[in-house]
Amino acid sequence: MAENRTEMMVAGMSFLAGCLVGGAAGLLYASQSGMRARCHLGNLAGDG
């Protein structure tokens, strides 16, 4: 039982670490300013 709980904890922490790394990479490699990105996303949402 303790091993299963530890495995679940490791999996959850790995997922959170991946989310943080992905978010940081997205911010570092963003190609547009915030205003331009919001306009672009708004246009994409309006197309659907």
N, C-alpha and C. Protein backbone atom coordinates (compact mmCIF):
# COMPACT_ATOMS: atom_id res chain seq x y z
N MET A 1 0.82 -1.20 0.00
CA MET A 1 0.00 0.00 0.00
C MET A 1 0.86 1.26 0.00
N ALA A 2 1.91 1.25 0.79
CA ALA A 2 2.78 2.43 0.86
C ALA A 2 3.51 2.64 -0.46
N GLU A 3 3.87 1.55 -1.12
CA GLU A 3 4.58 1.67 -2.40
C GLU A 3 3.66 2.31 -3.44
N ASN A 4 2.41 1.93 -3.47
CA ASN A 4 1.46 2.48 -4.42
C ASN A 4 1.26 3.98 -4.18
N ARG A 5 1.18 4.36 -2.92
CA ARG A 5 1.01 5.78 -2.58
C ARG A 5 2.24 6.57 -3.00
N THR A 6 3.42 6.00 -2.80
CA THR A 6 4.66 6.67 -3.19
C THR A 6 4.72 6.83 -4.70
N GLU A 7 4.33 5.80 -5.44
CA GLU A 7 4.33 5.87 -6.89
C GLU A 7 3.37 6.94 -7.39
N MET A 8 2.20 7.03 -6.78
CA MET A 8 1.23 8.05 -7.16
C MET A 8 1.77 9.45 -6.87
N MET A 9 2.45 9.59 -5.74
CA MET A 9 3.02 10.88 -5.37
C MET A 9 4.12 11.29 -6.36
N VAL A 10 4.95 10.34 -6.75
CA VAL A 10 6.01 10.62 -7.71
C VAL A 10 5.41 11.00 -9.06
N ALA A 11 4.37 10.29 -9.48
CA ALA A 11 3.72 10.59 -10.75
C ALA A 11 3.11 11.98 -10.72
N GLY A 12 2.45 12.33 -9.63
CA GLY A 12 1.85 13.66 -9.51
C GLY A 12 2.89 14.76 -9.51
N MET A 13 3.98 14.56 -8.79
CA MET A 13 5.04 15.56 -8.76
C MET A 13 5.71 15.69 -10.13
N SER A 14 5.86 14.59 -10.83
CA SER A 14 6.44 14.64 -12.18
C SER A 14 5.53 15.42 -13.12
N PHE A 15 4.24 15.21 -13.00
CA PHE A 15 3.29 15.93 -13.83
C PHE A 15 3.36 17.43 -13.56
N LEU A 16 3.38 17.81 -12.28
CA LEU A 16 3.45 19.22 -11.93
C LEU A 16 4.77 19.85 -12.40
N ALA A 17 5.86 19.11 -12.27
CA ALA A 17 7.15 19.62 -12.74
C ALA A 17 7.11 19.82 -14.26
N GLY A 18 6.50 18.90 -14.97
CA GLY A 18 6.38 19.03 -16.42
C GLY A 18 5.54 20.24 -16.81
N CYS A 19 4.47 20.48 -16.05
CA CYS A 19 3.63 21.66 -16.31
C CYS A 19 4.43 22.95 -16.10
N LEU A 20 5.21 23.00 -15.04
CA LEU A 20 6.01 24.19 -14.77
C LEU A 20 7.07 24.42 -15.84
N VAL A 21 7.75 23.36 -16.23
CA VAL A 21 8.78 23.47 -17.25
C VAL A 21 8.16 23.88 -18.59
N GLY A 22 7.04 23.29 -18.94
CA GLY A 22 6.36 23.64 -20.19
C GLY A 22 5.88 25.08 -20.20
N GLY A 23 5.33 25.53 -19.07
CA GLY A 23 4.89 26.91 -18.97
C GLY A 23 6.05 27.89 -19.08
N ALA A 24 7.15 27.57 -18.41
CA ALA A 24 8.33 28.43 -18.49
C ALA A 24 8.88 28.48 -19.91
N ALA A 25 8.93 27.34 -20.57
CA ALA A 25 9.43 27.31 -21.95
C ALA A 25 8.51 28.11 -22.86
N GLY A 26 7.21 28.01 -22.65
CA GLY A 26 6.27 28.78 -23.45
C GLY A 26 6.46 30.28 -23.27
N LEU A 27 6.71 30.70 -22.05
CA LEU A 27 6.93 32.12 -21.81
C LEU A 27 8.25 32.59 -22.41
N LEU A 28 9.27 31.76 -22.31
CA LEU A 28 10.58 32.16 -22.83
C LEU A 28 10.61 32.22 -24.35
N TYR A 29 9.86 31.33 -24.99
CA TYR A 29 9.91 31.26 -26.44
C TYR A 29 8.71 31.89 -27.12
N ALA A 30 7.92 32.66 -26.37
CA ALA A 30 6.77 33.34 -26.97
C ALA A 30 7.25 34.30 -28.04
N SER A 31 6.61 34.26 -29.18
CA SER A 31 7.09 35.06 -30.31
C SER A 31 6.38 36.39 -30.45
N GLN A 32 5.36 36.64 -29.63
CA GLN A 32 4.58 37.87 -29.77
C GLN A 32 4.40 38.52 -28.39
N SER A 33 4.10 39.80 -28.42
CA SER A 33 3.78 40.50 -27.18
C SER A 33 2.41 40.03 -26.68
N GLY A 34 2.08 40.38 -25.47
CA GLY A 34 0.80 39.96 -24.89
C GLY A 34 -0.40 40.47 -25.68
N MET A 35 -0.37 41.71 -26.07
CA MET A 35 -1.50 42.30 -26.81
C MET A 35 -1.68 41.61 -28.16
N ARG A 36 -0.59 41.41 -28.87
CA ARG A 36 -0.69 40.74 -30.18
C ARG A 36 -1.17 39.30 -30.03
N ALA A 37 -0.69 38.62 -29.00
CA ALA A 37 -1.11 37.23 -28.78
C ALA A 37 -2.59 37.17 -28.45
N ARG A 38 -3.09 38.09 -27.63
CA ARG A 38 -4.52 38.11 -27.29
C ARG A 38 -5.37 38.39 -28.53
N CYS A 39 -4.92 39.29 -29.37
CA CYS A 39 -5.65 39.58 -30.61
C CYS A 39 -5.70 38.34 -31.50
N HIS A 40 -4.57 37.69 -31.63
CA HIS A 40 -4.49 36.49 -32.46
C HIS A 40 -5.41 35.40 -31.93
N LEU A 41 -5.37 35.17 -30.62
CA LEU A 41 -6.24 34.14 -30.03
C LEU A 41 -7.70 34.52 -30.16
N GLY A 42 -8.01 35.81 -30.02
CA GLY A 42 -9.39 36.25 -30.21
C GLY A 42 -9.87 36.01 -31.62
N ASN A 43 -9.01 36.27 -32.60
CA ASN A 43 -9.37 36.01 -33.99
C ASN A 43 -9.57 34.53 -34.25
N LEU A 44 -8.73 33.70 -33.66
CA LEU A 44 -8.89 32.25 -33.83
C LEU A 44 -10.19 31.78 -33.21
N ALA A 45 -10.53 32.31 -32.05
CA ALA A 45 -11.78 31.91 -31.37
C ALA A 45 -12.99 32.37 -32.18
N GLY A 46 -12.90 33.52 -32.84
CA GLY A 46 -14.02 34.02 -33.63
C GLY A 46 -14.24 33.25 -34.91
N ASP A 47 -13.17 32.59 -35.42
CA ASP A 47 -13.28 31.84 -36.66
C ASP A 47 -14.10 30.57 -36.50
N GLY A 48 -14.07 29.97 -35.29
CA GLY A 48 -14.74 28.68 -35.06
C GLY A 48 -16.18 28.82 -34.97
